[in-house]
């Protein structure tokens, strides 16, 4: 098994982050597929936002995730992608844990995410990690896509 390391994203990682997203196999109808590296730069380096990449033992980016604040209590997880050849090796779980740890460290009470209607196979993955569906709207939904499934997990000490 190849050792993996998670680290915060840098601007130098944008091309690799984008590559992992495009290799993730998202349905062609998803707005995900229209994301450019310029879009990623605006999203991942906006105020309070960021991301992580997972690299293998050869230094190659094999997974990625972004995050951004959504009000004082919620950190939104987005853009989670793992190369198909390393799925099942804990990369996605590790990236989600990094975002949750950061959320807790920064005083957010919960992590929220949205699963595209074109990627509903990801819902059980998030459910296994403790995320539950909620009826609240997703502030960052693409107006050109069907409404996503919104999921949330409490992470703060005083959550509830």
C-alpha atoms as a PDB file:
ATOM      1  CA  UNK A   1       0.000   0.000   0.000  1.00  0.00           C
ATOM      2  CA  UNK A   2       1.332   3.410  -0.978  1.00  0.00           C
ATOM      3  CA  UNK A   3       1.718   5.871   1.909  1.00  0.00           C
ATOM      4  CA  UNK A   4      -0.399   8.994   1.576  1.00  0.00           C
ATOM      5  CA  UNK A   5       0.185  12.462   2.996  1.00  0.00           C
ATOM      6  CA  UNK A   6      -2.413  15.221   3.293  1.00  0.00           C
ATOM      7  CA  UNK A   7      -1.298  18.840   3.106  1.00  0.00           C
ATOM      8  CA  UNK A   8      -2.929  22.227   2.549  1.00  0.00           C
ATOM      9  CA  UNK A   9      -3.334  23.241  -1.068  1.00  0.00           C
ATOM     10  CA  UNK A  10      -1.034  25.805  -2.641  1.00  0.00           C
ATOM     11  CA  UNK A  11      -1.533  27.672  -5.879  1.00  0.00           C
ATOM     12  CA  UNK A  12       1.068  25.367  -7.417  1.00  0.00           C
ATOM     13  CA  UNK A  13      -1.388  22.476  -6.819  1.00  0.00           C
ATOM     14  CA  UNK A  14      -4.260  23.962  -8.823  1.00  0.00           C
ATOM     15  CA  UNK A  15      -3.539  22.065 -12.037  1.00  0.00           C
ATOM     16  CA  UNK A  16      -3.218  18.749 -10.169  1.00  0.00           C
ATOM     17  CA  UNK A  17      -6.356  19.486  -8.094  1.00  0.00           C
ATOM     18  CA  UNK A  18      -8.249  20.120 -11.332  1.00  0.00           C
ATOM     19  CA  UNK A  19      -6.847  16.947 -12.898  1.00  0.00           C
ATOM     20  CA  UNK A  20      -8.057  14.809  -9.981  1.00  0.00           C
ATOM     21  CA  UNK A  21     -11.511  16.395 -10.193  1.00  0.00           C
ATOM     22  CA  UNK A  22     -11.741  15.687 -13.917  1.00  0.00           C
ATOM     23  CA  UNK A  23     -10.578  12.077 -13.454  1.00  0.00           C
ATOM     24  CA  UNK A  24     -13.147  11.418 -10.719  1.00  0.00           C
ATOM     25  CA  UNK A  25     -15.720  10.309 -13.277  1.00  0.00           C
ATOM     26  CA  UNK A  26     -18.525  12.765 -12.510  1.00  0.00           C
ATOM     27  CA  UNK A  27     -21.570  12.513 -14.750  1.00  0.00           C
ATOM     28  CA  UNK A  28     -21.126  14.689 -17.840  1.00  0.00           C
ATOM     29  CA  UNK A  29     -24.297  16.668 -16.975  1.00  0.00           C
ATOM     30  CA  UNK A  30     -22.781  17.956 -13.730  1.00  0.00           C
ATOM     31  CA  UNK A  31     -21.574  21.551 -13.448  1.00  0.00           C
ATOM     32  CA  UNK A  32     -18.473  19.983 -11.822  1.00  0.00           C
ATOM     33  CA  UNK A  33     -17.195  19.182 -15.332  1.00  0.00           C
ATOM     34  CA  UNK A  34     -17.256  22.834 -16.341  1.00  0.00           C
ATOM     35  CA  UNK A  35     -14.944  23.869 -13.475  1.00  0.00           C
ATOM     36  CA  UNK A  36     -11.737  25.528 -14.651  1.00  0.00           C
ATOM     37  CA  UNK A  37      -8.478  26.073 -12.803  1.00  0.00           C
ATOM     38  CA  UNK A  38      -9.377  29.779 -12.662  1.00  0.00           C
ATOM     39  CA  UNK A  39     -12.681  28.829 -10.971  1.00  0.00           C
ATOM     40  CA  UNK A  40     -10.745  26.718  -8.482  1.00  0.00           C
ATOM     41  CA  UNK A  41      -8.347  29.534  -7.702  1.00  0.00           C
ATOM     42  CA  UNK A  42     -11.223  31.942  -7.018  1.00  0.00           C
ATOM     43  CA  UNK A  43     -13.024  29.387  -4.846  1.00  0.00           C
ATOM     44  CA  UNK A  44     -10.115  27.877  -2.912  1.00  0.00           C
ATOM     45  CA  UNK A  45      -8.264  31.115  -2.207  1.00  0.00           C
ATOM     46  CA  UNK A  46     -11.204  33.358  -1.272  1.00  0.00           C
ATOM     47  CA  UNK A  47     -11.450  34.703   2.272  1.00  0.00           C
ATOM     48  CA  UNK A  48     -11.537  31.858   4.784  1.00  0.00           C
ATOM     49  CA  UNK A  49     -11.594  29.202   2.067  1.00  0.00           C
ATOM     50  CA  UNK A  50      -8.960  26.618   1.250  1.00  0.00           C
ATOM     51  CA  UNK A  51      -8.380  23.007   0.539  1.00  0.00           C
ATOM     52  CA  UNK A  52      -6.221  19.974   0.997  1.00  0.00           C
ATOM     53  CA  UNK A  53      -4.525  17.577  -1.375  1.00  0.00           C
ATOM     54  CA  UNK A  54      -3.421  14.026  -0.746  1.00  0.00           C
ATOM     55  CA  UNK A  55      -0.136  12.980  -2.305  1.00  0.00           C
ATOM     56  CA  UNK A  56       1.226   9.476  -2.699  1.00  0.00           C
ATOM     57  CA  UNK A  57       4.764   8.366  -1.920  1.00  0.00           C
ATOM     58  CA  UNK A  58       5.926   9.657  -5.319  1.00  0.00           C
ATOM     59  CA  UNK A  59       4.561  13.133  -4.603  1.00  0.00           C
ATOM     60  CA  UNK A  60       1.637  12.798  -7.033  1.00  0.00           C
ATOM     61  CA  UNK A  61      -1.703  14.346  -6.094  1.00  0.00           C
ATOM     62  CA  UNK A  62      -4.268  11.532  -5.813  1.00  0.00           C
ATOM     63  CA  UNK A  63      -7.056  13.278  -3.878  1.00  0.00           C
ATOM     64  CA  UNK A  64      -8.393  16.737  -3.174  1.00  0.00           C
ATOM     65  CA  UNK A  65     -11.032  18.615  -1.204  1.00  0.00           C
ATOM     66  CA  UNK A  66     -12.049  22.227  -0.754  1.00  0.00           C
ATOM     67  CA  UNK A  67     -13.836  24.132   1.975  1.00  0.00           C
ATOM     68  CA  UNK A  68     -15.315  27.554   2.576  1.00  0.00           C
ATOM     69  CA  UNK A  69     -17.167  29.225   5.424  1.00  0.00           C
ATOM     70  CA  UNK A  70     -20.945  29.574   5.220  1.00  0.00           C
ATOM     71  CA  UNK A  71     -21.812  31.822   8.134  1.00  0.00           C
ATOM     72  CA  UNK A  72     -20.370  31.744  11.653  1.00  0.00           C
ATOM     73  CA  UNK A  73     -21.248  28.121  12.486  1.00  0.00           C
ATOM     74  CA  UNK A  74     -20.842  26.184   9.227  1.00  0.00           C
ATOM     75  CA  UNK A  75     -17.852  25.185   7.158  1.00  0.00           C
ATOM     76  CA  UNK A  76     -18.860  23.829   3.759  1.00  0.00           C
ATOM     77  CA  UNK A  77     -16.901  20.904   2.332  1.00  0.00           C
ATOM     78  CA  UNK A  78     -16.740  20.767  -1.469  1.00  0.00           C
ATOM     79  CA  UNK A  79     -14.852  19.354  -4.428  1.00  0.00           C
ATOM     80  CA  UNK A  80     -13.942  16.040  -2.782  1.00  0.00           C
ATOM     81  CA  UNK A  81     -12.349  13.842  -5.441  1.00  0.00           C
ATOM     82  CA  UNK A  82     -10.093  10.806  -5.402  1.00  0.00           C
ATOM     83  CA  UNK A  83      -8.417   9.175  -8.369  1.00  0.00           C
ATOM     84  CA  UNK A  84     -10.192   5.915  -9.254  1.00  0.00           C
ATOM     85  CA  UNK A  85      -7.031   3.837  -8.836  1.00  0.00           C
ATOM     86  CA  UNK A  86      -6.713   4.694  -5.117  1.00  0.00           C
ATOM     87  CA  UNK A  87     -10.374   4.545  -4.119  1.00  0.00           C
ATOM     88  CA  UNK A  88     -11.005   2.282  -1.164  1.00  0.00           C
ATOM     89  CA  UNK A  89      -7.640   3.118   0.421  1.00  0.00           C
ATOM     90  CA  UNK A  90      -8.976   5.731   2.854  1.00  0.00           C
ATOM     91  CA  UNK A  91      -7.989   8.841   0.884  1.00  0.00           C
ATOM     92  CA  UNK A  92     -11.509  10.338   0.807  1.00  0.00           C
ATOM     93  CA  UNK A  93     -12.117   9.574   4.472  1.00  0.00           C
ATOM     94  CA  UNK A  94      -8.788  11.183   5.383  1.00  0.00           C
ATOM     95  CA  UNK A  95      -9.590  14.340   3.399  1.00  0.00           C
ATOM     96  CA  UNK A  96     -13.020  14.672   5.039  1.00  0.00           C
ATOM     97  CA  UNK A  97     -11.375  14.243   8.455  1.00  0.00           C
ATOM     98  CA  UNK A  98      -8.935  17.076   7.648  1.00  0.00           C
ATOM     99  CA  UNK A  99     -11.793  19.452   6.854  1.00  0.00           C
ATOM    100  CA  UNK A 100     -13.685  18.389   9.988  1.00  0.00           C
ATOM    101  CA  UNK A 101     -10.584  18.916  12.127  1.00  0.00           C
ATOM    102  CA  UNK A 102     -10.032  22.352  10.642  1.00  0.00           C
ATOM    103  CA  UNK A 103     -13.694  23.234  11.209  1.00  0.00           C
ATOM    104  CA  UNK A 104     -13.447  22.224  14.853  1.00  0.00           C
ATOM    105  CA  UNK A 105     -10.153  24.101  15.265  1.00  0.00           C
ATOM    106  CA  UNK A 106     -11.649  27.284  13.789  1.00  0.00           C
ATOM    107  CA  UNK A 107     -14.729  27.094  16.004  1.00  0.00           C
ATOM    108  CA  UNK A 108     -17.313  26.002  13.454  1.00  0.00           C
ATOM    109  CA  UNK A 109     -20.074  23.829  14.854  1.00  0.00           C
ATOM    110  CA  UNK A 110     -20.694  21.745  11.762  1.00  0.00           C
ATOM    111  CA  UNK A 111     -19.555  20.729   8.316  1.00  0.00           C
ATOM    112  CA  UNK A 112     -22.086  20.878   5.516  1.00  0.00           C
ATOM    113  CA  UNK A 113     -21.792  19.395   2.037  1.00  0.00           C
ATOM    114  CA  UNK A 114     -23.943  18.919  -1.028  1.00  0.00           C
ATOM    115  CA  UNK A 115     -24.104  15.798  -3.174  1.00  0.00           C
ATOM    116  CA  UNK A 116     -25.032  16.379  -6.794  1.00  0.00           C
ATOM    117  CA  UNK A 117     -28.096  14.609  -8.141  1.00  0.00           C
ATOM    118  CA  UNK A 118     -25.625  13.240 -10.688  1.00  0.00           C
ATOM    119  CA  UNK A 119     -23.487  11.656  -7.927  1.00  0.00           C
ATOM    120  CA  UNK A 120     -25.991  10.117  -5.511  1.00  0.00           C
ATOM    121  CA  UNK A 121     -23.742   7.064  -5.142  1.00  0.00           C
ATOM    122  CA  UNK A 122     -21.636   9.232  -2.797  1.00  0.00           C
ATOM    123  CA  UNK A 123     -24.453   9.605  -0.227  1.00  0.00           C
ATOM    124  CA  UNK A 124     -23.713   6.262   1.532  1.00  0.00           C
ATOM    125  CA  UNK A 125     -20.025   7.218   1.824  1.00  0.00           C
ATOM    126  CA  UNK A 126     -20.904  10.405   3.677  1.00  0.00           C
ATOM    127  CA  UNK A 127     -23.558   8.633   5.768  1.00  0.00           C
ATOM    128  CA  UNK A 128     -20.888   6.150   6.965  1.00  0.00           C
ATOM    129  CA  UNK A 129     -18.848   9.161   8.095  1.00  0.00           C
ATOM    130  CA  UNK A 130     -21.737  10.458  10.205  1.00  0.00           C
ATOM    131  CA  UNK A 131     -23.359  12.912   7.805  1.00  0.00           C
ATOM    132  CA  UNK A 132     -27.150  13.136   7.810  1.00  0.00           C
ATOM    133  CA  UNK A 133     -29.451  14.589   5.198  1.00  0.00           C
ATOM    134  CA  UNK A 134     -31.050  17.937   5.941  1.00  0.00           C
ATOM    135  CA  UNK A 135     -33.775  19.887   4.177  1.00  0.00           C
ATOM    136  CA  UNK A 136     -31.912  23.181   4.325  1.00  0.00           C
ATOM    137  CA  UNK A 137     -30.912  24.774   1.027  1.00  0.00           C
ATOM    138  CA  UNK A 138     -27.348  24.761  -0.260  1.00  0.00           C
ATOM    139  CA  UNK A 139     -26.070  28.322  -0.524  1.00  0.00           C
ATOM    140  CA  UNK A 140     -23.554  27.494  -3.262  1.00  0.00           C
ATOM    141  CA  UNK A 141     -25.828  25.411  -5.542  1.00  0.00           C
ATOM    142  CA  UNK A 142     -25.339  25.811  -9.262  1.00  0.00           C
ATOM    143  CA  UNK A 143     -28.442  27.437 -10.754  1.00  0.00           C
ATOM    144  CA  UNK A 144     -28.010  25.247 -13.843  1.00  0.00           C
ATOM    145  CA  UNK A 145     -28.148  21.928 -11.944  1.00  0.00           C
ATOM    146  CA  UNK A 146     -30.892  20.074 -10.055  1.00  0.00           C
ATOM    147  CA  UNK A 147     -31.025  20.775  -6.308  1.00  0.00           C
ATOM    148  CA  UNK A 148     -28.387  18.695  -4.488  1.00  0.00           C
ATOM    149  CA  UNK A 149     -28.790  16.418  -1.482  1.00  0.00           C
ATOM    150  CA  UNK A 150     -27.548  18.484   1.468  1.00  0.00           C
ATOM    151  CA  UNK A 151     -25.843  16.654   4.338  1.00  0.00           C
ATOM    152  CA  UNK A 152     -24.422  17.899   7.617  1.00  0.00           C
ATOM    153  CA  UNK A 153     -22.321  16.646  10.521  1.00  0.00           C
ATOM    154  CA  UNK A 154     -21.872  18.329  13.859  1.00  0.00           C
ATOM    155  CA  UNK A 155     -18.184  18.805  14.752  1.00  0.00           C
ATOM    156  CA  UNK A 156     -18.072  21.543  17.374  1.00  0.00           C
ATOM    157  CA  UNK A 157     -17.806  21.013  21.121  1.00  0.00           C
ATOM    158  CA  UNK A 158     -20.916  23.089  21.764  1.00  0.00           C
ATOM    159  CA  UNK A 159     -22.830  21.895  18.707  1.00  0.00           C
ATOM    160  CA  UNK A 160     -26.480  21.141  18.814  1.00  0.00           C
END
